[in-house]
Amino acid sequence: MRKVKKIMALALSAALVVVSLAGCGSEANTENTAPKASDTLIYAQGSEPRGLDPALVDDGESAKVMSNIYEGLLKYNKDSTKVEPSLAKSWDVSPDGLTYTFHLQEGVKFQDGTDFNAEAVKFNIDRQLPPQVTEDMAYAPFVYGSVKDVEVVDTNTVKINLKAPSTPFLNNLAMIMAAPMISPKALKDNNNNVNQAPVGTGPYKFVKWEKDQNIVLVRNDDYWGTKANIKNVIFKFIKDNSARVVALNNGEADIIDGIDSTVVKQITDAGNKIFQAPGMNINYMAYNTSRKPFNDQKVRVAVSQAINVPELVESLYQGYSEPATSILPSFMEGYDKSISQVAYDPTAAAKTLKDAGITSLHMITYTNPRPYNAATGQSLAEAIQGYLSKVGVQVTIDSFDWTTYKQKLKAGDYDLAFYGWIGDNGDPDNFLYLLSVDDPTMNIALYKNDEFNSLIAKGLTTPAGDDRNAIYTQLEKIAADDAAWLPISHAQTLCAYQPNVENFYFHMTGITPFAGVVKK
């Protein structure tokens, strides 16, 4: 009961904050009743966000929270990555594909009361363009790399001029990383970093962040669009998978993520529900191609030959993930079923590795579940450690929490590492681009290939259609032949929720919008 009381106390605290934030003459100040359980939604996730500034983070845990605070010029359809109006109510594209003119919603305010307008759009984009862009803005080159400059036409009209045509540009502007609009005042007041003090235009406002505990949001009652149904949202951090299930089944959480096949029956037997949908993701192991022994393609192939991927996926994920035969999900443009990864051949693997004198390797992994790997990085690492021991290679595993793990990736001191990707925008470039960038927290294989990079650049400017799809198919073939990654699986999206929660969905891009959720 102690945990339940603690959660209810937190819900009460969040509700009181809502009252205190309201104006002196507001209706909220006239309410003296205690908050109802239906006023507060508790979402339990496996790890803490890295931050809440869309320009400065690149992780899914941050995305879930930010998707409720911020909005971009565009947004995705609930059931796809088709773009729809958001802060921009309409847009025009010049015949040469170099100028995008956005007509903005009128009368929108940031959560600090300042105006959203064309100047705010320019401020947000200029912040992520040279010379202002900083090294820690990982997504800036991806979203705005093709942007030449931004022009304010009038208060509610802004032009974005490109250096070259960019086929995925509109899709990029609906992403939760880099694209959302932040209050310029908040950025100025917080030294260009609102990781701890986010201010957007979205349906929920930030209240507080208790490190290692939770993040509290309250409904933005001045929101320009349809107001959220639930008053308070609490993102609670529970690292252990089984502890999250207990929290759900005990009524201490309304929704949990990061579940796997082993707990589905336990959840449904308790009367709770499962959210299940195809995932737009890839779960993989990367070879550090920047140093020995994995600067040698033959050695990379040999290690891949040692691992029975279909067997591994069935054992770990019990039918809730499918073996990856490609980096791209099978429903994405550019996917080609003829592409195959390195085939399982432990005899050939053992010979090549022995001839190369490789008897030990250093592997790093993460301890928490990820949307593309609900079994946790530790379980995946140990499974691959077992396969490699059968071909005469002993693997040392170092495991870290997610935030520390990202720093270890940046340092580059590993032979093998695990990662994954949730598609941001539904475009194949979003996946294959990862093998072309210099950022070591995205291209963790540290892979460099001039032919590959040239094709990436070509794909960006090629109009949608068969010719463009063929470019990404070719990129897939190069990646498979070079074996910079061992693609492992494409995970289904699995979450669980209380039966009194309605309209919850986990979008294929990894965000959890709560404005439409109802708790009865």
Protein backbone atom coordinates (compact mmCIF):
# COMPACT_ATOMS: atom_id res chain seq x y z
CA MET A 1 0.00 0.00 0.00
CA ARG A 2 2.90 2.36 0.59
CA LYS A 3 3.62 2.56 -3.14
CA VAL A 4 -0.03 3.28 -3.94
CA LYS A 5 -0.13 6.06 -1.35
CA LYS A 6 3.06 7.53 -2.76
CA ILE A 7 1.62 7.59 -6.29
CA MET A 8 -1.63 9.17 -5.13
CA ALA A 9 0.33 11.78 -3.20
CA LEU A 10 2.26 12.56 -6.36
CA ALA A 11 -0.99 12.83 -8.32
CA LEU A 12 -2.34 15.22 -5.68
CA SER A 13 0.86 17.26 -5.91
CA ALA A 14 0.55 17.48 -9.69
CA ALA A 15 -3.05 18.60 -9.45
CA LEU A 16 -2.19 21.24 -6.89
CA VAL A 17 0.48 22.55 -9.24
CA VAL A 18 -2.19 22.92 -11.93
CA VAL A 19 -4.23 25.03 -9.54
CA SER A 20 -1.25 27.15 -8.54
CA LEU A 21 -0.35 27.81 -12.17
CA ALA A 22 -3.82 29.09 -12.99
CA GLY A 23 -4.50 32.83 -12.90
CA CYS A 24 -5.81 34.43 -9.70
CA GLY A 25 -9.27 34.87 -11.13
CA SER A 26 -9.39 31.49 -12.87
CA GLU A 27 -11.99 28.82 -12.48
CA ALA A 28 -9.30 26.45 -11.16
CA ASN A 29 -8.85 28.59 -8.05
CA THR A 30 -12.51 28.12 -7.18
CA GLU A 31 -12.15 24.33 -7.10
CA ASN A 32 -11.61 22.93 -3.62
CA THR A 33 -12.22 19.26 -4.35
CA ALA A 34 -9.41 16.71 -4.22
CA PRO A 35 -8.18 15.38 -7.58
CA LYS A 36 -9.98 12.33 -8.91
CA ALA A 37 -8.04 9.26 -10.06
CA SER A 38 -9.32 9.98 -13.57
CA ASP A 39 -7.51 13.34 -13.46
CA THR A 40 -4.06 11.71 -13.48
CA LEU A 41 -2.45 9.32 -15.95
CA ILE A 42 0.68 7.46 -14.85
CA TYR A 43 2.94 6.10 -17.60
CA ALA A 44 5.81 3.86 -16.49
CA GLN A 45 8.82 3.55 -18.78
CA GLY A 46 12.09 1.69 -18.47
CA SER A 47 14.55 4.55 -18.27
CA GLU A 48 14.85 8.27 -17.77
CA PRO A 49 14.93 10.78 -20.64
CA ARG A 50 18.29 12.28 -21.51
CA GLY A 51 16.66 15.69 -21.67
CA LEU A 52 13.67 17.64 -22.98
CA ASP A 53 15.21 19.94 -25.59
CA PRO A 54 14.36 18.47 -29.03
CA ALA A 55 17.56 19.88 -30.54
CA LEU A 56 19.81 18.32 -27.90
CA VAL A 57 18.51 14.75 -27.45
CA ASP A 58 18.13 11.74 -29.69
CA ASP A 59 16.54 9.03 -27.55
CA GLY A 60 13.10 7.47 -27.41
CA GLU A 61 12.57 8.02 -23.70
CA SER A 62 12.89 11.77 -24.23
CA ALA A 63 10.64 11.62 -27.31
CA LYS A 64 7.68 10.21 -25.37
CA VAL A 65 7.66 13.13 -22.96
CA MET A 66 8.47 15.82 -25.55
CA SER A 67 5.64 14.74 -27.86
CA ASN A 68 3.19 16.05 -25.26
CA ILE A 69 4.94 19.39 -24.65
CA TYR A 70 5.98 20.46 -28.14
CA GLU A 71 4.62 20.69 -31.66
CA GLY A 72 6.25 21.18 -35.05
CA LEU A 73 5.09 22.87 -38.21
CA LEU A 74 3.74 19.50 -39.32
CA LYS A 75 2.67 16.28 -37.61
CA TYR A 76 2.12 12.66 -38.60
CA ASN A 77 -1.21 11.00 -39.12
CA LYS A 78 -2.19 8.86 -36.12
CA ASP A 79 -1.86 5.63 -38.11
CA SER A 80 1.01 6.40 -40.50
CA THR A 81 3.83 8.80 -41.34
CA LYS A 82 1.69 10.83 -43.73
CA VAL A 83 2.21 14.51 -42.85
CA GLU A 84 -0.63 16.73 -41.74
CA PRO A 85 -0.93 20.39 -40.71
CA SER A 86 0.06 21.35 -37.17
CA LEU A 87 1.55 24.78 -36.34
CA ALA A 88 1.56 25.35 -40.10
CA LYS A 89 -2.00 25.24 -41.43
CA SER A 90 -0.84 24.97 -45.06
CA TRP A 91 2.28 25.18 -47.23
CA ASP A 92 3.44 25.72 -50.81
CA VAL A 93 6.47 24.30 -52.57
CA SER A 94 8.17 26.10 -55.45
CA PRO A 95 8.40 24.26 -58.82
CA ASP A 96 12.16 23.79 -58.41
CA GLY A 97 11.69 22.25 -54.93
CA LEU A 98 13.96 24.83 -53.29
CA THR A 99 11.49 27.07 -51.44
CA TYR A 100 8.86 25.96 -48.93
CA THR A 101 6.40 28.62 -47.80
CA PHE A 102 4.50 27.86 -44.59
CA HIS A 103 1.31 29.64 -43.55
CA LEU A 104 1.11 29.51 -39.77
CA GLN A 105 -1.78 29.08 -37.37
CA GLU A 106 -2.81 32.44 -35.95
CA GLY A 107 -3.07 33.38 -32.28
CA VAL A 108 -0.93 30.48 -30.97
CA LYS A 109 0.96 31.08 -27.73
CA PHE A 110 3.91 29.27 -26.22
CA GLN A 111 3.29 27.94 -22.74
CA ASP A 112 5.14 30.92 -21.25
CA GLY A 113 2.62 33.29 -22.85
CA THR A 114 4.86 34.52 -25.67
CA ASP A 115 3.71 34.49 -29.29
CA PHE A 116 4.34 31.70 -31.74
CA ASN A 117 4.98 33.35 -35.11
CA ALA A 118 7.29 33.40 -38.13
CA GLU A 119 10.09 34.97 -36.08
CA ALA A 120 9.90 32.05 -33.65
CA VAL A 121 10.18 29.57 -36.52
CA LYS A 122 13.24 31.36 -37.88
CA PHE A 123 14.80 31.47 -34.41
CA ASN A 124 14.34 27.72 -33.91
CA ILE A 125 15.76 26.75 -37.30
CA ASP A 126 18.62 29.29 -37.28
CA ARG A 127 19.67 27.86 -33.92
CA GLN A 128 20.41 24.56 -35.69
CA LEU A 129 22.14 25.98 -38.77
CA PRO A 130 25.78 27.10 -39.11
CA PRO A 131 27.26 29.06 -37.49
CA GLN A 132 24.98 28.61 -34.46
CA VAL A 133 24.58 24.82 -34.60
CA THR A 134 26.57 22.95 -31.94
CA GLU A 135 28.09 19.46 -31.91
CA ASP A 136 25.52 18.16 -29.45
CA MET A 137 22.65 18.85 -31.87
CA ALA A 138 22.71 15.35 -33.33
CA TYR A 139 19.58 15.66 -35.46
CA ALA A 140 20.23 19.13 -36.87
CA PRO A 141 22.16 17.90 -39.94
CA PHE A 142 19.47 15.32 -40.64
CA VAL A 143 16.46 17.65 -40.40
CA TYR A 144 18.01 20.91 -41.58
CA GLY A 145 21.10 19.84 -43.52
CA SER A 146 19.52 20.89 -46.81
CA VAL A 147 18.39 24.31 -45.52
CA LYS A 148 20.08 27.40 -46.93
CA ASP A 149 18.25 30.05 -44.90
CA VAL A 150 14.91 31.09 -43.40
CA GLU A 151 12.97 34.24 -44.34
CA VAL A 152 10.20 35.93 -42.35
CA VAL A 153 7.58 37.08 -44.87
CA ASP A 154 5.14 38.44 -42.31
CA THR A 155 3.91 37.53 -38.82
CA ASN A 156 2.26 34.31 -39.94
CA THR A 157 4.24 33.40 -43.07
CA VAL A 158 7.74 31.96 -43.25
CA LYS A 159 9.89 30.75 -46.15
CA ILE A 160 12.49 28.01 -45.85
CA ASN A 161 14.98 28.01 -48.72
CA LEU A 162 16.96 24.86 -49.50
CA LYS A 163 20.41 24.43 -51.02
CA ALA A 164 19.19 21.43 -53.01
CA PRO A 165 15.89 19.58 -53.35
CA SER A 166 15.15 17.23 -50.45
CA THR A 167 12.49 14.59 -50.96
CA PRO A 168 12.01 13.77 -47.25
CA PHE A 169 12.06 17.40 -46.07
CA LEU A 170 8.35 17.67 -45.23
CA ASN A 171 8.47 14.36 -43.37
CA ASN A 172 11.49 15.62 -41.43
CA LEU A 173 9.53 18.65 -40.23
CA ALA A 174 7.04 16.39 -38.44
CA MET A 175 9.72 14.61 -36.41
CA ILE A 176 9.96 14.96 -32.63
CA MET A 177 13.73 15.51 -32.78
CA ALA A 178 15.01 18.94 -33.92
CA ALA A 179 11.77 19.96 -35.67
CA PRO A 180 9.50 21.03 -32.74
CA MET A 181 9.14 24.71 -31.93
CA ILE A 182 10.55 25.98 -28.60
CA SER A 183 9.84 29.34 -27.03
CA PRO A 184 12.68 31.70 -28.07
CA LYS A 185 12.30 33.43 -24.70
CA ALA A 186 12.83 30.13 -22.87
CA LEU A 187 15.94 29.41 -24.95
CA LYS A 188 17.36 32.86 -24.21
CA ASP A 189 16.54 32.56 -20.50
CA ASN A 190 18.19 29.12 -20.26
CA ASN A 191 21.40 29.69 -22.22
CA ASN A 192 20.16 27.89 -25.36
CA ASN A 193 19.37 24.66 -23.49
CA VAL A 194 15.87 23.80 -22.23
CA ASN A 195 16.58 20.17 -21.35
CA GLN A 196 15.39 20.91 -17.82
CA ALA A 197 12.93 23.71 -18.60
CA PRO A 198 10.94 22.84 -21.75
CA VAL A 199 8.45 25.34 -23.16
CA GLY A 200 6.46 24.48 -26.28
CA THR A 201 2.99 25.06 -27.69
CA GLY A 202 1.63 21.58 -26.98
CA PRO A 203 -1.33 20.25 -24.99
CA TYR A 204 0.70 19.64 -21.82
CA LYS A 205 3.04 21.89 -19.83
CA PHE A 206 6.11 20.84 -17.90
CA VAL A 207 5.86 21.06 -14.09
CA LYS A 208 8.83 19.28 -12.56
CA TRP A 209 11.42 16.54 -12.97
CA GLU A 210 12.50 14.49 -9.97
CA LYS A 211 15.67 12.73 -11.10
CA ASP A 212 15.43 8.93 -11.08
CA GLN A 213 11.75 9.22 -10.10
CA ASN A 214 9.37 10.94 -12.50
CA ILE A 215 8.42 13.86 -14.74
CA VAL A 216 5.13 15.65 -14.10
CA LEU A 217 3.12 17.45 -16.79
CA VAL A 218 -0.15 19.37 -16.46
CA ARG A 219 -2.76 20.18 -19.05
CA ASN A 220 -2.21 23.38 -21.01
CA ASP A 221 -5.61 25.01 -20.56
CA ASP A 222 -4.60 27.81 -22.95
CA TYR A 223 -3.81 25.32 -25.73
CA TRP A 224 -4.79 26.60 -29.18
CA GLY A 225 -6.18 23.25 -30.33
CA THR A 226 -8.44 20.64 -28.74
CA LYS A 227 -7.71 20.54 -25.00
CA ALA A 228 -6.37 17.33 -23.44
CA ASN A 229 -8.87 15.13 -21.60
CA ILE A 230 -6.69 14.22 -18.62
CA LYS A 231 -5.40 16.96 -16.35
CA ASN A 232 -2.10 15.49 -15.11
CA VAL A 233 0.40 13.11 -16.75
CA ILE A 234 3.20 11.51 -14.74
CA PHE A 235 6.06 9.70 -16.49
CA LYS A 236 7.41 7.31 -13.88
CA PHE A 237 10.79 5.60 -14.29
CA ILE A 238 10.87 1.91 -13.34
CA LYS A 239 13.97 0.23 -14.72
CA ASP A 240 13.07 -3.39 -13.99
CA ASN A 241 10.67 -5.04 -16.45
CA SER A 242 8.96 -7.21 -13.85
CA ALA A 243 8.56 -4.25 -11.48
CA ARG A 244 6.70 -2.31 -14.19
CA VAL A 245 4.34 -5.24 -14.67
CA VAL A 246 3.69 -5.40 -10.92
CA ALA A 247 3.03 -1.63 -10.90
CA LEU A 248 0.45 -2.04 -13.67
CA ASN A 249 -1.25 -5.04 -12.12
CA ASN A 250 -1.35 -3.35 -8.70
CA GLY A 251 -2.89 -0.19 -10.12
CA GLU A 252 0.20 1.93 -9.48
CA ALA A 253 0.58 2.65 -13.21
CA ASP A 254 -2.02 3.13 -15.93
CA ILE A 255 0.23 2.31 -18.90
CA ILE A 256 3.63 0.61 -19.14
CA ASP A 257 6.02 0.02 -22.01
CA GLY A 258 9.12 -2.11 -22.54
CA ILE A 259 7.30 -5.41 -22.05
CA ASP A 260 8.16 -8.69 -23.73
CA SER A 261 6.51 -11.99 -24.51
CA THR A 262 7.28 -13.48 -21.08
CA VAL A 263 4.87 -11.16 -19.26
CA VAL A 264 1.92 -10.92 -21.67
CA LYS A 265 -0.06 -13.69 -19.95
CA GLN A 266 0.67 -12.25 -16.51
CA ILE A 267 -0.71 -8.90 -17.67
CA THR A 268 -3.84 -10.22 -19.37
CA ASP A 269 -4.61 -12.63 -16.52
CA ALA A 270 -4.77 -9.59 -14.24
CA GLY A 271 -7.43 -8.08 -16.49
CA ASN A 272 -5.20 -5.56 -18.23
CA LYS A 273 -4.89 -4.97 -21.97
CA ILE A 274 -2.07 -5.23 -24.51
CA PHE A 275 -1.37 -2.66 -27.21
CA GLN A 276 0.28 -4.44 -30.12
CA ALA A 277 1.26 -3.04 -33.52
CA PRO A 278 3.92 -3.57 -36.22
CA GLY A 279 7.08 -1.68 -35.36
CA MET A 280 9.01 0.64 -37.67
CA ASN A 281 12.38 -0.27 -36.20
CA ILE A 282 15.61 -2.26 -36.39
CA ASN A 283 17.51 -3.99 -33.58
CA TYR A 284 21.16 -4.67 -34.42
CA MET A 285 24.71 -5.38 -33.33
CA ALA A 286 27.41 -3.07 -34.69
CA TYR A 287 31.06 -3.80 -35.35
CA ASN A 288 33.56 -1.07 -34.56
CA THR A 289 34.94 -0.76 -38.08
CA SER A 290 37.40 1.98 -37.12
CA ARG A 291 39.96 -0.37 -35.55
CA LYS A 292 41.20 -3.94 -35.46
CA PRO A 293 39.89 -6.58 -35.72
CA PHE A 294 36.68 -5.26 -37.30
CA ASN A 295 38.30 -2.95 -39.83
CA ASP A 296 38.53 -6.24 -41.76
CA GLN A 297 35.29 -7.16 -43.56
CA LYS A 298 36.20 -10.86 -43.47
CA VAL A 299 36.33 -10.82 -39.66
CA ARG A 300 32.99 -9.04 -39.46
CA VAL A 301 31.46 -11.65 -41.74
CA ALA A 302 32.94 -14.46 -39.63
CA VAL A 303 31.38 -13.18 -36.41
CA SER A 304 28.04 -12.78 -38.17
CA GLN A 305 28.35 -16.37 -39.44
CA ALA A 306 28.68 -17.54 -35.82
CA ILE A 307 25.24 -16.25 -34.84
CA ASN A 308 22.01 -18.06 -35.71
CA VAL A 309 19.77 -15.01 -35.96
CA PRO A 310 16.38 -16.76 -36.54
CA GLU A 311 17.02 -19.08 -33.59
CA LEU A 312 18.15 -16.16 -31.42
CA VAL A 313 15.09 -14.07 -32.27
CA GLU A 314 12.65 -16.90 -31.59
CA SER A 315 14.31 -17.69 -28.27
CA LEU A 316 14.46 -14.11 -26.99
CA TYR A 317 11.26 -12.63 -28.39
CA GLN A 318 8.86 -15.59 -28.65
CA GLY A 319 7.12 -14.44 -31.80
CA TYR A 320 6.85 -10.73 -30.91
CA SER A 321 9.80 -9.82 -33.18
CA GLU A 322 10.73 -11.10 -36.62
CA PRO A 323 14.27 -11.86 -37.80
CA ALA A 324 15.72 -8.97 -39.78
CA THR A 325 16.73 -9.87 -43.31
CA SER A 326 17.21 -6.19 -44.05
CA ILE A 327 17.93 -2.94 -42.25
CA LEU A 328 14.63 -1.55 -43.57
CA PRO A 329 11.28 -2.81 -42.27
CA SER A 330 9.57 -4.87 -44.96
CA PHE A 331 6.77 -2.30 -45.51
CA MET A 332 9.16 0.59 -46.28
CA GLU A 333 10.00 1.92 -49.74
CA GLY A 334 13.35 0.53 -50.90
CA TYR A 335 12.95 -2.79 -49.11
CA ASP A 336 13.81 -5.72 -51.36
CA LYS A 337 13.10 -9.29 -50.25
CA SER A 338 16.03 -10.56 -52.34
CA ILE A 339 18.52 -8.92 -49.96
CA SER A 340 20.01 -11.35 -47.46
CA GLN A 341 22.40 -10.94 -44.57
CA VAL A 342 25.37 -13.17 -43.73
CA ALA A 343 24.17 -16.77 -43.40
CA TYR A 344 24.73 -18.86 -40.28
CA ASP A 345 27.84 -21.02 -40.75
CA PRO A 346 29.65 -21.71 -37.47
CA THR A 347 32.24 -23.99 -39.09
CA ALA A 348 33.39 -21.25 -41.49
CA ALA A 349 33.24 -18.71 -38.67
CA ALA A 350 35.47 -20.79 -36.39
CA LYS A 351 38.09 -21.27 -39.11
CA THR A 352 38.26 -17.61 -40.14
CA LEU A 353 38.43 -16.39 -36.54
CA LYS A 354 41.10 -18.95 -35.63
CA ASP A 355 43.17 -18.05 -38.69
CA ALA A 356 42.89 -14.37 -37.73
CA GLY A 357 44.06 -15.15 -34.19
CA ILE A 358 40.91 -13.80 -32.57
CA THR A 359 40.18 -15.43 -29.23
CA SER A 360 38.60 -12.59 -27.24
CA LEU A 361 36.41 -9.55 -27.85
CA HIS A 362 35.07 -6.63 -25.82
CA MET A 363 31.33 -6.01 -26.00
CA ILE A 364 29.29 -3.18 -24.44
CA THR A 365 25.54 -3.08 -23.97
CA TYR A 366 22.68 -1.34 -22.17
CA THR A 367 20.75 -2.71 -19.20
CA ASN A 368 17.28 -1.30 -19.84
CA PRO A 369 14.61 -2.43 -22.32
CA ARG A 370 14.27 -0.53 -25.58
CA PRO A 371 11.25 -0.35 -27.92
CA TYR A 372 13.19 -2.36 -30.50
CA ASN A 373 14.53 -4.81 -27.87
CA ALA A 374 12.18 -5.48 -24.98
CA ALA A 375 14.42 -8.33 -23.79
CA THR A 376 17.08 -5.74 -22.74
CA GLY A 377 20.55 -5.30 -24.15
CA GLN A 378 22.00 -7.49 -21.40
CA SER A 379 19.97 -10.53 -22.47
CA LEU A 380 20.84 -9.98 -26.12
CA ALA A 381 24.54 -9.58 -25.35
CA GLU A 382 24.63 -12.76 -23.27
CA ALA A 383 22.91 -14.72 -26.05
CA ILE A 384 25.51 -13.61 -28.59
CA GLN A 385 28.28 -14.24 -26.07
CA GLY A 386 27.05 -17.85 -26.00
CA TYR A 387 27.16 -18.24 -29.78
CA LEU A 388 30.69 -16.82 -29.99
CA SER A 389 31.97 -19.11 -27.25
CA LYS A 390 31.03 -22.05 -29.49
CA VAL A 391 33.46 -20.84 -32.18
CA GLY A 392 36.35 -20.29 -29.76
CA VAL A 393 35.89 -16.59 -28.94
CA GLN A 394 35.45 -15.41 -25.36
CA VAL A 395 33.47 -12.20 -25.00
CA THR A 396 33.72 -9.76 -22.11
CA ILE A 397 30.50 -7.81 -21.56
CA ASP A 398 30.35 -4.38 -19.91
CA SER A 399 26.80 -3.17 -19.22
CA PHE A 400 25.60 0.37 -18.49
CA ASP A 401 22.41 2.31 -17.87
CA TRP A 402 21.15 4.06 -20.99
CA THR A 403 22.58 7.53 -20.32
CA THR A 404 26.02 6.14 -19.46
CA TYR A 405 25.87 3.78 -22.41
CA LYS A 406 25.44 6.69 -24.82
CA GLN A 407 28.62 8.23 -23.42
CA LYS A 408 30.49 4.94 -23.80
CA LEU A 409 29.42 4.76 -27.43
CA LYS A 410 30.74 8.26 -27.98
CA ALA A 411 34.11 7.23 -26.49
CA GLY A 412 34.33 4.36 -29.01
CA ASP A 413 36.15 1.89 -26.73
CA TYR A 414 34.50 -1.37 -27.80
CA ASP A 415 34.66 -4.11 -30.40
CA LEU A 416 30.95 -4.88 -30.44
CA ALA A 417 27.98 -2.80 -29.35
CA PHE A 418 24.20 -2.98 -29.52
CA TYR A 419 21.77 -0.39 -30.69
CA GLY A 420 18.56 0.04 -32.56
CA TRP A 421 16.50 2.59 -34.38
CA ILE A 422 12.87 3.61 -34.46
CA GLY A 423 12.02 5.27 -37.75
CA ASP A 424 11.48 9.00 -37.29
CA ASN A 425 9.65 9.83 -40.49
CA GLY A 426 8.80 6.76 -42.57
CA ASP A 427 11.51 7.45 -45.14
CA PRO A 428 14.25 4.88 -45.97
CA ASP A 429 16.90 7.60 -45.76
CA ASN A 430 16.13 7.83 -42.04
CA PHE A 431 17.45 4.29 -41.52
CA LEU A 432 20.35 4.06 -43.96
CA TYR A 433 21.61 7.56 -43.18
CA LEU A 434 22.85 6.10 -39.87
CA LEU A 435 25.76 4.43 -41.65
CA SER A 436 26.90 7.66 -43.29
CA VAL A 437 27.07 10.22 -40.47
CA ASP A 438 30.14 11.13 -38.44
CA ASP A 439 28.27 11.31 -35.12
CA PRO A 440 29.50 8.27 -33.09
CA THR A 441 26.26 8.10 -31.09
CA MET A 442 24.32 7.46 -34.31
CA ASN A 443 26.82 5.67 -36.54
CA ILE A 444 28.08 3.41 -33.77
CA ALA A 445 29.82 1.15 -36.30
CA LEU A 446 31.97 4.19 -37.20
CA TYR A 447 31.48 3.02 -40.77
CA LYS A 448 32.95 5.04 -43.65
CA ASN A 449 32.31 4.23 -47.30
CA ASP A 450 32.53 6.90 -50.02
CA GLU A 451 30.30 5.01 -52.46
CA PHE A 452 27.68 4.57 -49.75
CA ASN A 453 27.79 8.27 -48.81
CA SER A 454 27.43 9.34 -52.43
CA LEU A 455 24.31 7.21 -52.81
CA ILE A 456 22.87 8.68 -49.61
CA ALA A 457 23.29 12.17 -51.07
CA LYS A 458 21.73 11.07 -54.35
CA GLY A 459 18.75 9.53 -52.58
CA LEU A 460 17.95 12.79 -50.82
CA THR A 461 17.52 14.74 -54.06
CA THR A 462 15.86 12.03 -56.17
CA PRO A 463 12.06 12.39 -56.44
CA ALA A 464 9.91 9.70 -54.83
CA GLY A 465 9.36 6.70 -57.06
CA ASP A 466 11.06 3.62 -58.49
CA ASP A 467 14.38 5.34 -59.22
CA ARG A 468 14.67 6.54 -55.64
CA ASN A 469 13.63 3.18 -54.23
CA ALA A 470 16.35 1.50 -56.28
CA ILE A 471 18.97 3.74 -54.63
CA TYR A 472 17.98 2.56 -51.17
CA THR A 473 17.90 -1.06 -52.29
CA GLN A 474 21.47 -0.62 -53.52
CA LEU A 475 22.45 0.94 -50.19
CA GLU A 476 20.96 -2.08 -48.43
CA LYS A 477 23.05 -4.42 -50.57
CA ILE A 478 26.26 -2.54 -49.83
CA ALA A 479 25.54 -2.62 -46.09
CA ALA A 480 24.80 -6.36 -46.21
CA ASP A 481 27.95 -7.17 -48.22
CA ASP A 482 30.16 -5.07 -45.94
CA ALA A 483 28.57 -6.48 -42.75
CA ALA A 484 29.03 -3.28 -40.75
CA TRP A 485 25.98 -4.33 -38.74
CA LEU A 486 24.44 -7.64 -37.87
CA PRO A 487 20.71 -6.84 -38.26
CA ILE A 488 18.87 -8.91 -35.68
CA SER A 489 15.15 -8.17 -35.53
CA HIS A 490 12.20 -5.91 -36.18
CA ALA A 491 10.12 -5.70 -33.01
CA GLN A 492 6.41 -5.36 -32.66
CA THR A 493 5.37 -2.44 -30.50
CA LEU A 494 4.11 -3.81 -27.18
CA CYS A 495 2.62 -1.80 -24.33
CA ALA A 496 0.10 -2.65 -21.63
CA TYR A 497 -2.61 -0.58 -20.03
CA GLN A 498 -5.45 -0.61 -17.53
CA PRO A 499 -8.91 -1.45 -18.95
CA ASN A 500 -10.27 1.97 -17.95
CA VAL A 501 -7.80 3.72 -20.29
CA GLU A 502 -9.18 4.53 -23.74
CA ASN A 503 -7.75 5.99 -26.97
CA PHE A 504 -4.13 5.22 -26.05
CA TYR A 505 -1.75 4.50 -28.92
CA PHE A 506 1.99 4.23 -29.35
CA HIS A 507 2.83 5.84 -32.68
CA MET A 508 5.11 3.96 -35.06
CA THR A 509 7.70 6.75 -34.69
CA GLY A 510 8.01 5.98 -30.97
CA ILE A 511 5.96 8.82 -29.49
CA THR A 512 3.08 8.61 -27.00
CA PRO A 513 0.63 11.51 -27.45
CA PHE A 514 -1.74 11.63 -24.49
CA ALA A 515 -4.03 14.55 -25.35
CA GLY A 516 -6.78 12.26 -26.68
CA VAL A 517 -6.51 9.63 -23.95
CA VAL A 518 -9.45 9.17 -21.60
CA LYS A 519 -9.32 7.51 -18.18
CA LYS A 520 -12.70 6.37 -16.90
